[in-house]
N, C-alpha and C. Protein backbone atom coordinates (compact mmCIF):
# COMPACT_ATOMS: atom_id res chain seq x y z
N UNK A 1 -47.67 -17.96 121.73
CA UNK A 1 -48.91 -18.57 122.09
C UNK A 1 -49.94 -19.07 121.54
N UNK A 2 -49.71 -18.04 119.65
CA UNK A 2 -50.46 -18.43 118.69
C UNK A 2 -49.86 -20.07 118.37
N UNK A 3 -49.20 -19.92 118.35
CA UNK A 3 -49.24 -22.28 118.05
C UNK A 3 -48.93 -23.13 119.28
N UNK A 4 -49.53 -21.98 120.72
CA UNK A 4 -50.03 -23.85 121.90
C UNK A 4 -48.34 -23.24 122.35
N UNK A 5 -47.80 -22.97 122.51
CA UNK A 5 -46.20 -23.14 123.17
C UNK A 5 -46.67 -22.57 124.50
N UNK A 6 -45.70 -23.36 125.11
CA UNK A 6 -45.46 -22.71 126.82
C UNK A 6 -45.16 -22.05 127.02
N UNK A 7 -45.90 -21.06 127.51
CA UNK A 7 -45.02 -19.71 128.43
C UNK A 7 -43.38 -20.24 128.68
N UNK A 8 -43.54 -21.84 129.76
CA UNK A 8 -41.76 -21.99 130.25
C UNK A 8 -40.74 -22.54 128.93
N UNK A 9 -40.95 -22.39 128.02
CA UNK A 9 -40.47 -22.80 126.53
C UNK A 9 -39.78 -21.80 126.44
N UNK A 10 -40.97 -20.55 126.24
CA UNK A 10 -39.65 -19.08 126.18
C UNK A 10 -39.68 -19.00 127.23
N UNK A 11 -39.20 -19.29 128.16
CA UNK A 11 -38.93 -18.35 128.76
C UNK A 11 -36.96 -19.29 129.86
N UNK A 12 -37.39 -20.74 129.42
CA UNK A 12 -36.29 -21.23 129.67
C UNK A 12 -35.82 -21.85 128.88
N UNK A 13 -35.76 -21.38 127.42
CA UNK A 13 -35.48 -22.11 126.40
C UNK A 13 -34.94 -21.08 125.30
N UNK A 14 -35.72 -19.95 124.67
CA UNK A 14 -36.45 -18.99 123.69
C UNK A 14 -35.21 -18.30 124.65
N UNK A 15 -35.72 -17.38 125.42
CA UNK A 15 -34.58 -16.99 126.18
C UNK A 15 -32.93 -16.44 126.61
N UNK A 16 -33.39 -17.91 127.34
CA UNK A 16 -31.23 -17.74 127.01
C UNK A 16 -30.56 -18.29 126.03
N UNK A 17 -32.09 -18.58 124.83
CA UNK A 17 -30.72 -18.84 123.51
C UNK A 17 -30.33 -17.88 123.01
N UNK A 18 -31.50 -16.27 123.75
CA UNK A 18 -31.49 -15.35 122.72
C UNK A 18 -30.01 -14.96 122.98
N UNK A 19 -30.19 -14.19 124.07
CA UNK A 19 -29.55 -13.29 125.32
C UNK A 19 -28.11 -14.99 124.80
N UNK A 20 -27.93 -16.34 124.74
CA UNK A 20 -26.81 -16.83 124.58
C UNK A 20 -25.66 -16.76 123.11
N UNK A 21 -26.39 -15.89 122.64
CA UNK A 21 -25.91 -16.36 120.68
C UNK A 21 -26.35 -14.79 119.85
N UNK A 22 -27.04 -13.95 120.63
CA UNK A 22 -26.42 -12.52 120.14
C UNK A 22 -26.80 -11.33 121.36
N UNK A 23 -27.06 -11.86 123.07
CA UNK A 23 -27.38 -10.80 124.33
C UNK A 23 -28.11 -10.09 124.01
N UNK A 24 -29.53 -10.83 123.45
CA UNK A 24 -30.14 -9.62 122.46
C UNK A 24 -31.67 -10.44 123.10
N UNK A 25 -32.63 -10.08 123.58
CA UNK A 25 -33.90 -10.77 123.57
C UNK A 25 -34.74 -11.45 122.52
N UNK A 26 -34.94 -12.48 122.67
CA UNK A 26 -36.07 -13.42 121.25
C UNK A 26 -36.12 -13.44 120.71
N UNK A 27 -37.53 -11.97 121.47
CA UNK A 27 -38.45 -10.77 120.07
C UNK A 27 -38.01 -10.20 119.05
N UNK A 28 -36.36 -9.63 120.20
CA UNK A 28 -35.99 -8.12 118.61
C UNK A 28 -34.51 -9.70 117.72
N UNK A 29 -34.68 -10.89 117.91
CA UNK A 29 -33.65 -11.60 117.56
C UNK A 29 -34.54 -12.14 116.49
N UNK A 30 -33.80 -13.55 114.63
CA UNK A 30 -34.22 -13.36 113.68
C UNK A 30 -34.39 -14.84 114.49
N UNK A 31 -35.95 -15.00 115.20
CA UNK A 31 -35.77 -17.06 114.53
C UNK A 31 -35.02 -17.92 114.39
N UNK A 32 -34.80 -17.82 113.42
CA UNK A 32 -33.63 -18.66 112.46
C UNK A 32 -33.08 -18.85 112.92
N UNK A 33 -32.35 -17.65 113.19
CA UNK A 33 -30.94 -17.86 114.32
C UNK A 33 -30.97 -19.24 115.74
N UNK A 34 -32.59 -19.30 116.86
CA UNK A 34 -32.07 -20.02 117.42
C UNK A 34 -32.82 -21.52 116.63
N UNK A 35 -33.79 -20.97 116.11
CA UNK A 35 -34.40 -22.90 115.58
C UNK A 35 -33.41 -23.30 114.55
N UNK A 36 -32.12 -22.49 114.54
CA UNK A 36 -31.20 -23.61 113.27
C UNK A 36 -30.03 -24.45 115.17
N UNK A 37 -30.29 -23.78 115.89
CA UNK A 37 -29.19 -24.32 117.78
C UNK A 37 -30.02 -24.57 117.85
N UNK A 38 -31.57 -24.77 118.20
CA UNK A 38 -32.29 -25.74 118.55
C UNK A 38 -31.74 -26.91 117.42
N UNK A 39 -32.41 -27.23 116.56
CA UNK A 39 -32.02 -27.74 116.06
C UNK A 39 -30.75 -28.43 115.55
N UNK A 40 -30.33 -27.80 116.26
CA UNK A 40 -28.46 -28.42 116.58
C UNK A 40 -28.70 -29.44 117.49
N UNK A 41 -28.85 -28.67 118.40
CA UNK A 41 -29.37 -29.51 120.09
C UNK A 41 -30.46 -30.43 119.58
N UNK A 42 -31.33 -30.88 118.63
CA UNK A 42 -32.15 -32.03 119.05
C UNK A 42 -31.75 -32.85 117.64
N UNK A 43 -30.92 -32.90 117.39
CA UNK A 43 -30.12 -33.26 116.66
C UNK A 43 -29.03 -34.56 117.60
N UNK A 44 -28.70 -34.00 118.61
CA UNK A 44 -26.86 -33.64 119.29
C UNK A 44 -27.57 -35.61 119.87
N UNK A 45 -26.36 -36.24 119.97
CA UNK A 45 -27.36 -37.26 120.75
C UNK A 45 -26.97 -36.97 122.25
N UNK A 46 -26.65 -35.62 123.04
CA UNK A 46 -26.69 -35.71 124.03
C UNK A 46 -27.06 -34.91 123.79
N UNK A 47 -28.29 -33.96 123.00
CA UNK A 47 -28.78 -32.61 123.22
C UNK A 47 -29.68 -32.08 123.81
N UNK A 48 -30.19 -32.88 124.62
CA UNK A 48 -31.02 -32.89 126.30
C UNK A 48 -30.81 -32.83 127.39
N UNK A 49 -29.18 -32.71 127.25
CA UNK A 49 -27.98 -32.23 128.09
C UNK A 49 -27.67 -30.73 128.07
N UNK A 50 -28.37 -30.10 127.25
CA UNK A 50 -27.60 -28.51 126.85
C UNK A 50 -28.01 -27.31 128.31
N UNK A 51 -27.37 -26.57 128.85
CA UNK A 51 -27.17 -25.50 129.20
C UNK A 51 -27.13 -24.19 129.15
N UNK A 52 -27.52 -23.13 129.97
CA UNK A 52 -27.74 -21.91 129.71
C UNK A 52 -26.78 -21.66 130.31
N UNK A 53 -26.35 -20.33 130.50
CA UNK A 53 -25.71 -18.77 132.01
C UNK A 53 -27.65 -18.71 132.18
N UNK A 54 -27.33 -18.46 133.75
CA UNK A 54 -28.43 -17.69 134.20
C UNK A 54 -27.43 -16.01 134.17
N UNK A 55 -26.92 -15.43 133.80
CA UNK A 55 -26.22 -14.52 133.29
C UNK A 55 -25.45 -14.13 132.63
N UNK A 56 -24.87 -12.91 132.33
CA UNK A 56 -24.03 -12.86 131.46
C UNK A 56 -23.02 -13.41 131.36
N UNK A 57 -22.21 -14.05 130.58
CA UNK A 57 -20.97 -14.33 130.61
C UNK A 57 -19.77 -14.17 130.69
N UNK A 58 -19.25 -12.77 131.03
CA UNK A 58 -18.37 -12.35 132.05
C UNK A 58 -18.82 -12.32 133.42
N UNK A 59 -20.08 -12.52 133.65
CA UNK A 59 -20.18 -12.30 135.93
C UNK A 59 -20.73 -13.44 135.95
N UNK A 60 -20.65 -14.02 135.07
CA UNK A 60 -20.71 -16.07 135.25
C UNK A 60 -20.55 -17.02 135.55
N UNK A 61 -19.41 -16.41 134.20
CA UNK A 61 -18.58 -17.39 133.64
C UNK A 61 -16.78 -17.05 133.67
N UNK A 62 -17.07 -15.83 133.48
CA UNK A 62 -15.46 -15.46 132.50
C UNK A 62 -14.54 -14.77 134.16
N UNK A 63 -16.01 -14.33 134.88
CA UNK A 63 -14.96 -13.92 136.55
C UNK A 63 -14.80 -14.73 137.46
N UNK A 64 -15.19 -16.17 137.05
CA UNK A 64 -15.29 -17.37 138.57
C UNK A 64 -14.29 -17.89 137.67
N UNK A 65 -13.99 -17.87 136.51
CA UNK A 65 -12.96 -18.58 136.34
C UNK A 65 -11.82 -18.34 136.47
N UNK A 66 -11.06 -16.62 136.73
CA UNK A 66 -10.58 -15.39 136.83
C UNK A 66 -9.92 -15.82 138.13
N UNK A 67 -10.98 -16.03 139.71
CA UNK A 67 -11.24 -16.13 139.86
C UNK A 67 -10.10 -17.04 140.96
N UNK A 68 -10.94 -18.30 140.58
CA UNK A 68 -10.00 -19.56 140.60
C UNK A 68 -8.47 -19.35 140.37
N UNK A 69 -7.89 -19.16 139.20
CA UNK A 69 -7.10 -19.44 139.15
C UNK A 69 -5.55 -17.89 139.73
N UNK A 70 -6.51 -17.11 140.01
CA UNK A 70 -5.59 -16.65 140.47
C UNK A 70 -5.95 -16.90 142.39
N UNK A 71 -6.45 -17.49 142.16
CA UNK A 71 -6.94 -17.89 143.93
C UNK A 71 -5.18 -19.38 143.92
N UNK A 72 -4.95 -19.56 142.61
CA UNK A 72 -4.13 -20.74 143.12
C UNK A 72 -2.31 -20.13 142.57
N UNK A 73 -3.01 -18.99 142.77
CA UNK A 73 -1.39 -18.57 142.22
C UNK A 73 -1.39 -18.64 140.88
N UNK A 74 -1.95 -18.41 139.93
CA UNK A 74 -1.56 -18.23 137.88
C UNK A 74 -2.17 -16.67 137.91
N UNK A 75 -1.57 -16.26 136.93
CA UNK A 75 -1.87 -14.89 136.34
C UNK A 75 -2.69 -15.69 135.05
N UNK A 76 -3.10 -14.18 134.61
CA UNK A 76 -4.32 -13.71 133.11
C UNK A 76 -3.72 -12.71 133.03
N UNK A 77 -3.98 -13.72 131.47
CA UNK A 77 -3.44 -11.69 130.43
C UNK A 77 -4.68 -12.13 129.83
N UNK A 78 -5.38 -10.57 129.60
CA UNK A 78 -6.48 -10.33 128.22
C UNK A 78 -5.93 -9.31 128.06
N UNK A 79 -6.45 -8.78 127.17
CA UNK A 79 -6.45 -8.16 126.05
C UNK A 79 -4.48 -7.93 125.66
N UNK A 80 -4.63 -8.36 125.54
CA UNK A 80 -3.32 -9.28 125.14
C UNK A 80 -2.92 -9.44 123.95
N UNK A 81 -2.76 -8.94 122.74
CA UNK A 81 -3.26 -10.02 121.15
C UNK A 81 -1.39 -11.07 121.30
N UNK A 82 -1.43 -11.38 120.45
CA UNK A 82 -0.41 -12.48 120.55
C UNK A 82 0.01 -12.61 118.49
N UNK A 83 1.46 -12.85 118.80
CA UNK A 83 1.51 -12.57 117.34
C UNK A 83 2.78 -13.43 116.64
N UNK A 84 2.53 -14.58 117.95
CA UNK A 84 4.27 -15.86 117.74
C UNK A 84 3.31 -16.48 118.78
N UNK A 85 3.62 -17.88 118.48
CA UNK A 85 3.43 -18.56 119.72
C UNK A 85 5.44 -19.69 119.03
N UNK A 86 6.47 -19.13 120.29
CA UNK A 86 7.15 -19.94 120.36
C UNK A 86 7.76 -21.21 120.56
N UNK A 87 8.00 -22.51 119.99
CA UNK A 87 8.50 -23.51 120.78
C UNK A 87 9.84 -23.85 120.66
N UNK A 88 10.15 -25.21 121.17
CA UNK A 88 11.32 -25.71 121.67
C UNK A 88 11.99 -25.92 120.50
N UNK A 89 13.33 -26.07 120.12
CA UNK A 89 13.70 -27.21 118.67
C UNK A 89 13.83 -28.03 119.01
N UNK A 90 13.66 -28.73 119.89
CA UNK A 90 14.14 -30.47 120.51
C UNK A 90 12.31 -31.06 120.54
N UNK A 91 11.07 -30.28 120.99
CA UNK A 91 10.11 -31.76 121.11
C UNK A 91 8.94 -30.53 120.98
N UNK A 92 8.91 -29.88 120.02
CA UNK A 92 8.41 -28.36 119.55
C UNK A 92 7.49 -28.30 120.68
N UNK A 93 7.32 -28.40 122.23
CA UNK A 93 6.09 -28.23 122.41
C UNK A 93 6.82 -26.43 123.05
N UNK A 94 5.26 -25.79 123.63
CA UNK A 94 5.51 -24.19 123.62
C UNK A 94 6.60 -23.58 124.34
N UNK A 95 7.65 -22.73 124.23
CA UNK A 95 8.79 -22.37 125.18
C UNK A 95 7.87 -20.99 125.09
N UNK A 96 7.39 -19.88 124.60
CA UNK A 96 6.85 -19.61 124.93
C UNK A 96 6.08 -18.42 123.83
N UNK A 97 5.53 -17.55 124.34
CA UNK A 97 4.50 -16.51 123.08
C UNK A 97 5.43 -15.00 123.09
N UNK A 98 5.16 -14.24 121.83
CA UNK A 98 5.14 -13.25 121.38
C UNK A 98 4.19 -12.06 121.33
N UNK A 99 3.97 -11.39 123.22
CA UNK A 99 3.26 -10.18 122.56
C UNK A 99 3.60 -9.50 121.63
N UNK A 100 2.73 -8.67 121.12
CA UNK A 100 1.83 -7.50 119.70
C UNK A 100 3.15 -5.96 120.42
N UNK A 101 3.21 -6.13 121.39
CA UNK A 101 3.89 -5.46 122.02
C UNK A 101 5.13 -5.44 121.81
N UNK A 102 5.62 -6.84 121.61
CA UNK A 102 6.89 -6.98 121.69
C UNK A 102 7.52 -8.17 122.58
N UNK A 103 5.99 -8.41 123.85
CA UNK A 103 6.83 -8.60 124.64
C UNK A 103 6.93 -10.09 125.29
N UNK A 104 7.69 -10.71 125.41
CA UNK A 104 7.52 -12.13 125.85
C UNK A 104 7.54 -13.89 127.09
N UNK A 105 6.21 -13.70 127.55
CA UNK A 105 5.73 -14.04 127.53
C UNK A 105 5.46 -15.75 127.80
N UNK A 106 6.43 -16.14 129.27
CA UNK A 106 6.33 -17.76 129.53
C UNK A 106 5.94 -18.30 131.24
N UNK A 107 5.57 -18.73 130.14
CA UNK A 107 4.25 -20.13 131.59
C UNK A 107 4.66 -21.35 131.30
N UNK A 108 3.29 -21.96 132.93
CA UNK A 108 3.93 -23.07 132.76
C UNK A 108 2.33 -24.07 132.00
N UNK A 109 1.13 -22.79 131.72
CA UNK A 109 0.30 -23.72 131.74
C UNK A 109 -0.26 -22.57 129.84
N UNK A 110 -0.61 -22.72 129.56
CA UNK A 110 -1.31 -22.00 128.30
C UNK A 110 -2.69 -22.20 128.27
N UNK A 111 -3.67 -21.09 127.64
CA UNK A 111 -4.84 -21.55 127.90
C UNK A 111 -5.26 -20.66 125.97
N UNK A 112 -5.98 -21.50 125.75
CA UNK A 112 -5.84 -19.83 124.09
C UNK A 112 -8.04 -19.77 124.33
N UNK A 113 -8.08 -18.04 124.19
CA UNK A 113 -9.10 -17.78 123.30
C UNK A 113 -9.38 -17.19 122.63
N UNK A 114 -8.40 -17.29 122.15
CA UNK A 114 -8.40 -16.98 120.54
C UNK A 114 -9.60 -17.50 119.94
N UNK A 115 -10.36 -16.63 119.06
CA UNK A 115 -10.69 -17.14 118.11
C UNK A 115 -10.00 -18.17 117.12
N UNK A 116 -10.92 -19.35 116.04
CA UNK A 116 -10.54 -20.17 116.48
C UNK A 116 -9.80 -19.80 114.26
N UNK A 117 -9.43 -18.86 114.05
CA UNK A 117 -9.06 -18.51 112.88
C UNK A 117 -8.20 -17.42 113.05
N UNK A 118 -7.94 -17.03 114.13
CA UNK A 118 -6.41 -16.13 114.63
C UNK A 118 -5.11 -17.30 115.17
N UNK A 119 -6.17 -18.89 115.42
CA UNK A 119 -5.14 -19.60 116.66
C UNK A 119 -4.63 -20.31 114.77
N UNK A 120 -5.67 -20.30 114.16
CA UNK A 120 -5.04 -21.23 112.62
C UNK A 120 -3.59 -20.31 112.13
N UNK A 121 -3.16 -18.79 112.21
CA UNK A 121 -2.75 -17.86 110.99
C UNK A 121 -1.38 -18.15 112.47
N UNK A 122 -1.60 -18.30 114.12
CA UNK A 122 -0.95 -18.91 114.54
C UNK A 122 0.21 -20.07 114.72
N UNK A 123 -1.04 -21.63 114.55
CA UNK A 123 -0.21 -22.32 114.37
C UNK A 123 1.74 -22.55 114.28
N UNK A 124 2.63 -22.95 115.01
CA UNK A 124 3.65 -22.79 114.33
C UNK A 124 4.09 -23.96 113.49
N UNK A 125 4.76 -23.86 112.21
CA UNK A 125 5.14 -24.31 111.99
C UNK A 125 5.64 -26.17 111.91
N UNK A 126 6.15 -26.94 113.20
CA UNK A 126 6.74 -27.38 113.25
C UNK A 126 4.62 -28.25 113.27
N UNK A 127 3.57 -28.04 114.09
CA UNK A 127 2.97 -28.25 113.88
C UNK A 127 1.78 -28.43 113.53
N UNK A 128 2.14 -27.53 111.66
CA UNK A 128 0.65 -27.88 110.98
C UNK A 128 0.80 -28.44 110.32
N UNK A 129 1.41 -29.61 109.97
CA UNK A 129 0.90 -30.85 109.77
C UNK A 129 0.01 -31.77 110.81
N UNK A 130 0.94 -32.16 111.93
CA UNK A 130 0.47 -32.69 112.87
C UNK A 130 -0.97 -33.09 112.34
N UNK A 131 -1.49 -33.99 112.92
CA UNK A 131 -2.62 -34.98 112.74
C UNK A 131 -4.08 -33.65 113.59
N UNK A 132 -3.75 -33.71 115.09
CA UNK A 132 -4.69 -33.51 115.83
C UNK A 132 -4.56 -31.88 115.35
N UNK A 133 -3.90 -30.40 114.54
CA UNK A 133 -4.11 -29.08 114.49
C UNK A 133 -4.13 -29.25 112.71
N UNK A 134 -4.08 -30.20 112.15
CA UNK A 134 -4.50 -30.40 110.55
C UNK A 134 -6.76 -30.47 110.79
N UNK A 135 -6.56 -30.53 112.05
CA UNK A 135 -8.27 -30.95 112.06
C UNK A 135 -9.02 -29.29 112.59
N UNK A 136 -8.25 -28.79 112.49
CA UNK A 136 -7.88 -26.48 112.82
C UNK A 136 -9.08 -26.88 111.65
N UNK A 137 -8.07 -26.63 110.34
CA UNK A 137 -8.78 -26.82 108.92
C UNK A 137 -10.34 -26.92 108.98
N UNK A 138 -10.81 -27.25 108.89
CA UNK A 138 -11.91 -28.45 109.31
C UNK A 138 -13.36 -27.20 110.42
N UNK A 139 -12.37 -27.23 111.23
CA UNK A 139 -12.90 -25.51 111.69
C UNK A 139 -13.47 -24.16 111.44
N UNK A 140 -14.78 -23.57 111.95
CA UNK A 140 -14.97 -22.37 111.01
C UNK A 140 -14.90 -21.56 111.89
N UNK A 141 -14.43 -20.08 111.87
CA UNK A 141 -15.05 -19.54 113.18
C UNK A 141 -16.51 -19.18 112.90
N UNK A 142 -16.81 -18.61 113.85
CA UNK A 142 -18.37 -17.92 114.50
C UNK A 142 -18.73 -16.93 115.39
N UNK A 143 -19.42 -16.58 115.80
CA UNK A 143 -19.81 -15.74 116.74
C UNK A 143 -20.23 -15.85 118.16
N UNK A 144 -20.52 -16.73 118.11
CA UNK A 144 -20.37 -17.73 119.54
C UNK A 144 -19.68 -17.76 120.03
N UNK A 145 -19.92 -18.18 121.76
CA UNK A 145 -18.88 -18.11 123.06
C UNK A 145 -19.00 -19.43 122.78
N UNK A 146 -17.54 -20.07 123.24
CA UNK A 146 -17.59 -22.01 122.49
C UNK A 146 -16.32 -22.33 123.91
N UNK A 147 -16.31 -23.09 125.29
CA UNK A 147 -15.88 -23.38 126.32
C UNK A 147 -15.82 -24.49 126.42
N UNK A 148 -14.88 -25.47 126.85
CA UNK A 148 -14.26 -26.93 125.99
C UNK A 148 -13.25 -26.57 127.45
N UNK A 149 -14.16 -27.42 129.06
CA UNK A 149 -13.59 -27.85 130.38
C UNK A 149 -13.39 -28.70 130.25
N UNK A 150 -11.83 -29.41 130.45
CA UNK A 150 -11.79 -31.10 130.95
C UNK A 150 -11.03 -30.77 132.42
N UNK A 151 -12.03 -32.13 133.36
CA UNK A 151 -11.24 -32.42 134.15
C UNK A 151 -11.46 -33.88 134.60
């Protein structure tokens, strides 16, 4: 209000960003965090197409995805640390995953929710020189949820 910013901007942008970035109200969060994120959105070609969840991530995003997968006969493993991605010798596709407790998980599809730093450590040797996976070297882990949905 001090700078003439409409209350609507606070309600629709700053509160949503504060919750998305650090799960707290913007008046308790350093504005440098929000302004840095806003600067990135503004400078992106599709920045005007950003959106925020209208609630917390577990209820509004994770639970619906979980229910969608389970309704179609899929299984979701959570709280299951992976220590190795095992690949087939012939074509280097995923054969199975080895969990921290020694179990082997085989599936038709695998979806990773690992932080990028953890994923980088688990990349199988045959993948490490492939251009697609070499791009991981450029990524730096940050404490923000990031989801890419392809359909």
